[in-house]
PDB file of N, CA and C in Angstrom:
ATOM      1  N   MET A   1       9.361  17.362   7.122  1.00  0.00           N
ATOM      2  CA  MET A   1       8.524  17.524   6.129  1.00  0.00           C
ATOM      3  C   MET A   1       7.958  16.194   5.316  1.00  0.00           C
ATOM      4  N   LYS A   2       8.918  15.507   4.654  1.00  0.00           N
ATOM      5  CA  LYS A   2       9.076  13.985   3.535  1.00  0.00           C
ATOM      6  C   LYS A   2       7.973  13.289   5.078  1.00  0.00           C
ATOM      7  N   LYS A   3       9.086  13.107   6.017  1.00  0.00           N
ATOM      8  CA  LYS A   3       8.075  11.939   6.621  1.00  0.00           C
ATOM      9  C   LYS A   3       6.601  12.317   6.880  1.00  0.00           C
ATOM     10  N   LYS A   4       6.610  13.506   7.240  1.00  0.00           N
ATOM     11  CA  LYS A   4       5.293  13.784   7.494  1.00  0.00           C
ATOM     12  C   LYS A   4       4.163  13.549   6.631  1.00  0.00           C
ATOM     13  N   PHE A   5       4.359  13.893   5.177  1.00  0.00           N
ATOM     14  CA  PHE A   5       3.769  13.923   4.290  1.00  0.00           C
ATOM     15  C   PHE A   5       3.247  12.200   3.372  1.00  0.00           C
ATOM     16  N   PHE A   6       4.873  11.368   3.790  1.00  0.00           N
ATOM     17  CA  PHE A   6       4.495   9.798   3.676  1.00  0.00           C
ATOM     18  C   PHE A   6       3.454   9.597   4.507  1.00  0.00           C
ATOM     19  N   ARG A   7       3.399  10.130   6.138  1.00  0.00           N
ATOM     20  CA  ARG A   7       3.216   9.374   6.703  1.00  0.00           C
ATOM     21  C   ARG A   7       1.462   9.491   6.995  1.00  0.00           C
ATOM     22  N   GLN A   8       0.796  10.815   5.943  1.00  0.00           N
ATOM     23  CA  GLN A   8      -0.601  10.944   6.287  1.00  0.00           C
ATOM     24  C   GLN A   8      -0.841  10.519   5.343  1.00  0.00           C
ATOM     25  N   LEU A   9      -0.287   9.757   3.934  1.00  0.00           N
ATOM     26  CA  LEU A   9      -0.447   9.291   2.885  1.00  0.00           C
ATOM     27  C   LEU A   9      -0.732   7.943   3.240  1.00  0.00           C
ATOM     28  N   SER A  10      -0.003   7.660   3.913  1.00  0.00           N
ATOM     29  CA  SER A  10      -0.171   6.655   4.587  1.00  0.00           C
ATOM     30  C   SER A  10      -1.548   5.855   5.369  1.00  0.00           C
ATOM     31  N   LYS A  11      -1.951   6.487   5.913  1.00  0.00           N
ATOM     32  CA  LYS A  11      -3.006   6.895   6.506  1.00  0.00           C
ATOM     33  C   LYS A  11      -4.432   6.673   5.371  1.00  0.00           C
ATOM     34  N   LEU A  12      -4.581   7.651   4.562  1.00  0.00           N
ATOM     35  CA  LEU A  12      -4.701   7.817   3.705  1.00  0.00           C
ATOM     36  C   LEU A  12      -5.303   6.348   2.634  1.00  0.00           C
ATOM     37  N   ASN A  13      -3.762   5.708   2.379  1.00  0.00           N
ATOM     38  CA  ASN A  13      -3.735   4.674   1.705  1.00  0.00           C
ATOM     39  C   ASN A  13      -4.897   3.290   2.841  1.00  0.00           C
ATOM     40  N   LYS A  14      -5.103   3.683   3.825  1.00  0.00           N
ATOM     41  CA  LYS A  14      -4.968   2.427   4.582  1.00  0.00           C
ATOM     42  C   LYS A  14      -6.955   3.038   4.392  1.00  0.00           C
ATOM     43  N   LYS A  15      -7.280   3.735   4.445  1.00  0.00           N
ATOM     44  CA  LYS A  15      -8.891   3.992   4.348  1.00  0.00           C
ATOM     45  C   LYS A  15      -9.015   3.686   2.991  1.00  0.00           C
ATOM     46  N   LEU A  16      -8.307   4.049   2.008  1.00  0.00           N
ATOM     47  CA  LEU A  16      -9.169   3.995   0.515  1.00  0.00           C
ATOM     48  C   LEU A  16      -8.943   2.729   0.181  1.00  0.00           C
ATOM     49  N   LEU A  17      -7.660   2.055   0.189  1.00  0.00           N
ATOM     50  CA  LEU A  17      -7.413   1.319  -0.675  1.00  0.00           C
ATOM     51  C   LEU A  17      -7.131  -0.092  -0.341  1.00  0.00           C
ATOM     52  N   PRO A  18      -7.152  -1.318  -0.644  1.00  0.00           N
ATOM     53  CA  PRO A  18      -8.016  -2.383  -0.197  1.00  0.00           C
ATOM     54  C   PRO A  18      -7.041  -3.398   0.372  1.00  0.00           C
ATOM     55  N   SER A  19      -7.347  -3.990   1.425  1.00  0.00           N
ATOM     56  CA  SER A  19      -6.403  -4.507   2.109  1.00  0.00           C
ATOM     57  C   SER A  19      -6.294  -6.252   1.904  1.00  0.00           C
ATOM     58  N   TYR A  20      -5.210  -6.380   0.535  1.00  0.00           N
ATOM     59  CA  TYR A  20      -4.842  -7.915   0.202  1.00  0.00           C
ATOM     60  C   TYR A  20      -4.387  -8.717   1.316  1.00  0.00           C
ATOM     61  N   SER A  21      -4.041  -8.424   2.164  1.00  0.00           N
ATOM     62  CA  SER A  21      -3.166  -9.415   2.907  1.00  0.00           C
ATOM     63  C   SER A  21      -4.285  -9.783   3.916  1.00  0.00           C
ATOM     64  N   LYS A  22      -5.354  -9.060   4.195  1.00  0.00           N
ATOM     65  CA  LYS A  22      -6.360  -9.727   4.955  1.00  0.00           C
ATOM     66  C   LYS A  22      -7.567 -10.688   4.310  1.00  0.00           C
ATOM     67  N   GLN A  23      -7.660 -10.126   3.079  1.00  0.00           N
ATOM     68  CA  GLN A  23      -7.824 -11.147   2.085  1.00  0.00           C
ATOM     69  C   GLN A  23      -7.109 -12.325   1.642  1.00  0.00           C
ATOM     70  N   GLN A  24      -6.059 -12.106   2.290  1.00  0.00           N
ATOM     71  CA  GLN A  24      -5.212 -13.802   1.772  1.00  0.00           C
ATOM     72  C   GLN A  24      -5.062 -13.844   0.260  1.00  0.00           C
ATOM     73  N   LEU A  25      -4.484 -12.322  -0.551  1.00  0.00           N
ATOM     74  CA  LEU A  25      -4.236 -12.814  -1.554  1.00  0.00           C
ATOM     75  C   LEU A  25      -2.811 -13.100  -2.119  1.00  0.00           C
ATOM     76  N   ASP A  26      -3.261 -14.394  -2.907  1.00  0.00           N
ATOM     77  CA  ASP A  26      -1.747 -14.940  -3.624  1.00  0.00           C
ATOM     78  C   ASP A  26      -1.332 -14.504  -4.769  1.00  0.00           C
ATOM     79  N   LEU A  27       0.272 -13.456  -4.202  1.00  0.00           N
ATOM     80  CA  LEU A  27       0.446 -12.818  -5.016  1.00  0.00           C
ATOM     81  C   LEU A  27       0.737 -14.023  -6.542  1.00  0.00           C
ATOM     82  N   ALA A  28       0.654 -14.809  -6.654  1.00  0.00           N
ATOM     83  CA  ALA A  28       0.945 -15.658  -7.915  1.00  0.00           C
ATOM     84  C   ALA A  28       0.005 -15.186  -8.418  1.00  0.00           C
ATOM     85  N   LYS A  29      -1.446 -15.650  -7.994  1.00  0.00           N
ATOM     86  CA  LYS A  29      -2.397 -14.987  -9.310  1.00  0.00           C
ATOM     87  C   LYS A  29      -3.316 -13.529  -8.774  1.00  0.00           C
ATOM     88  N   ALA A  30      -2.359 -12.166  -8.851  1.00  0.00           N
ATOM     89  CA  ALA A  30      -3.042 -11.296  -8.043  1.00  0.00           C
ATOM     90  C   ALA A  30      -2.706 -10.664  -9.953  1.00  0.00           C
ATOM     91  N   THR A  31      -3.705  -9.461  -9.988  1.00  0.00           N
ATOM     92  CA  THR A  31      -3.867  -9.201 -11.081  1.00  0.00           C
ATOM     93  C   THR A  31      -2.538  -7.833 -12.092  1.00  0.00           C
ATOM     94  N   LYS A  32      -2.373  -7.463 -12.521  1.00  0.00           N
ATOM     95  CA  LYS A  32      -1.543  -6.198 -12.819  1.00  0.00           C
ATOM     96  C   LYS A  32      -1.517  -5.299 -11.522  1.00  0.00           C
ATOM     97  N   LEU A  33      -3.294  -4.751 -11.904  1.00  0.00           N
ATOM     98  CA  LEU A  33      -3.786  -3.506 -10.276  1.00  0.00           C
ATOM     99  C   LEU A  33      -3.228  -3.586  -9.150  1.00  0.00           C
ATOM    100  N   GLN A  34      -3.313  -5.365  -8.619  1.00  0.00           N
ATOM    101  CA  GLN A  34      -3.461  -5.908  -7.092  1.00  0.00           C
ATOM    102  C   GLN A  34      -1.914  -5.336  -7.054  1.00  0.00           C
ATOM    103  N   LYS A  35      -0.858  -5.873  -8.167  1.00  0.00           N
ATOM    104  CA  LYS A  35       0.182  -5.863  -7.889  1.00  0.00           C
ATOM    105  C   LYS A  35       0.702  -4.179  -7.668  1.00  0.00           C
ATOM    106  N   ALA A  36       0.332  -3.584  -8.469  1.00  0.00           N
ATOM    107  CA  ALA A  36       1.049  -1.887  -8.295  1.00  0.00           C
ATOM    108  C   ALA A  36       0.110  -1.346  -7.171  1.00  0.00           C
ATOM    109  N   ILE A  37      -0.902  -1.631  -6.521  1.00  0.00           N
ATOM    110  CA  ILE A  37      -1.383  -1.438  -4.903  1.00  0.00           C
ATOM    111  C   ILE A  37      -0.279  -1.369  -4.446  1.00  0.00           C
ATOM    112  N   ILE A  38      -0.272  -3.047  -4.840  1.00  0.00           N
ATOM    113  CA  ILE A  38       0.512  -3.752  -3.277  1.00  0.00           C
ATOM    114  C   ILE A  38       2.133  -2.808  -3.114  1.00  0.00           C
ATOM    115  N   GLY A  39       2.108  -2.694  -4.879  1.00  0.00           N
ATOM    116  CA  GLY A  39       3.818  -1.861  -4.511  1.00  0.00           C
ATOM    117  C   GLY A  39       3.356  -0.386  -4.085  1.00  0.00           C
ATOM    118  N   TRP A  40       2.362   0.016  -4.691  1.00  0.00           N
ATOM    119  CA  TRP A  40       2.485   1.755  -3.923  1.00  0.00           C
ATOM    120  C   TRP A  40       2.304   1.838  -2.640  1.00  0.00           C
ATOM    121  N   LYS A  41       1.711   0.922  -2.218  1.00  0.00           N
ATOM    122  CA  LYS A  41       1.518   0.767  -0.387  1.00  0.00           C
ATOM    123  C   LYS A  41       3.028   0.844   0.023  1.00  0.00           C
ATOM    124  N   LEU A  42       3.686  -0.385  -0.576  1.00  0.00           N
ATOM    125  CA  LEU A  42       5.083  -0.456   0.372  1.00  0.00           C
ATOM    126  C   LEU A  42       6.063   0.578  -0.012  1.00  0.00           C
ATOM    127  N   TRP A  43       6.141   0.893  -1.579  1.00  0.00           N
ATOM    128  CA  TRP A  43       6.881   2.631  -1.585  1.00  0.00           C
ATOM    129  C   TRP A  43       6.366   3.688  -0.179  1.00  0.00           C
ATOM    130  N   VAL A  44       5.314   3.953  -0.131  1.00  0.00           N
ATOM    131  CA  VAL A  44       4.915   4.408   0.756  1.00  0.00           C
ATOM    132  C   VAL A  44       5.156   4.905   2.095  1.00  0.00           C
ATOM    133  N   THR A  45       4.707   3.350   2.581  1.00  0.00           N
ATOM    134  CA  THR A  45       5.770   2.863   3.727  1.00  0.00           C
ATOM    135  C   THR A  45       6.714   2.440   4.674  1.00  0.00           C
ATOM    136  N   LYS A  46       7.863   2.201   3.116  1.00  0.00           N
ATOM    137  CA  LYS A  46       8.968   2.605   3.030  1.00  0.00           C
ATOM    138  C   LYS A  46       9.862   3.785   3.768  1.00  0.00           C
ATOM    139  N   ASN A  47       8.815   4.769   2.890  1.00  0.00           N
ATOM    140  CA  ASN A  47       9.222   6.410   2.689  1.00  0.00           C
ATOM    141  C   ASN A  47       8.130   6.980   4.344  1.00  0.00           C
ATOM    142  N   ALA A  48       7.517   6.283   4.473  1.00  0.00           N
ATOM    143  CA  ALA A  48       6.971   6.933   6.113  1.00  0.00           C
ATOM    144  C   ALA A  48       7.615   6.521   7.031  1.00  0.00           C
ATOM    145  N   LEU A  49       8.473   5.425   7.302  1.00  0.00           N
ATOM    146  CA  LEU A  49       9.176   4.769   8.088  1.00  0.00           C
ATOM    147  C   LEU A  49      10.760   5.540   8.359  1.00  0.00           C
TER     148      LEU A  49
END
């Protein structure tokens, strides 16, 4: 149940949130909001696996 939820959430994140890897964002120059989005996506992905 938990994995299914996080997999669905991961698909939703992919559609709604920006992809910073495609934009080649430098993490040293990222704003706090961008870092928060990256951390959120990482946490969701970790739990979906």
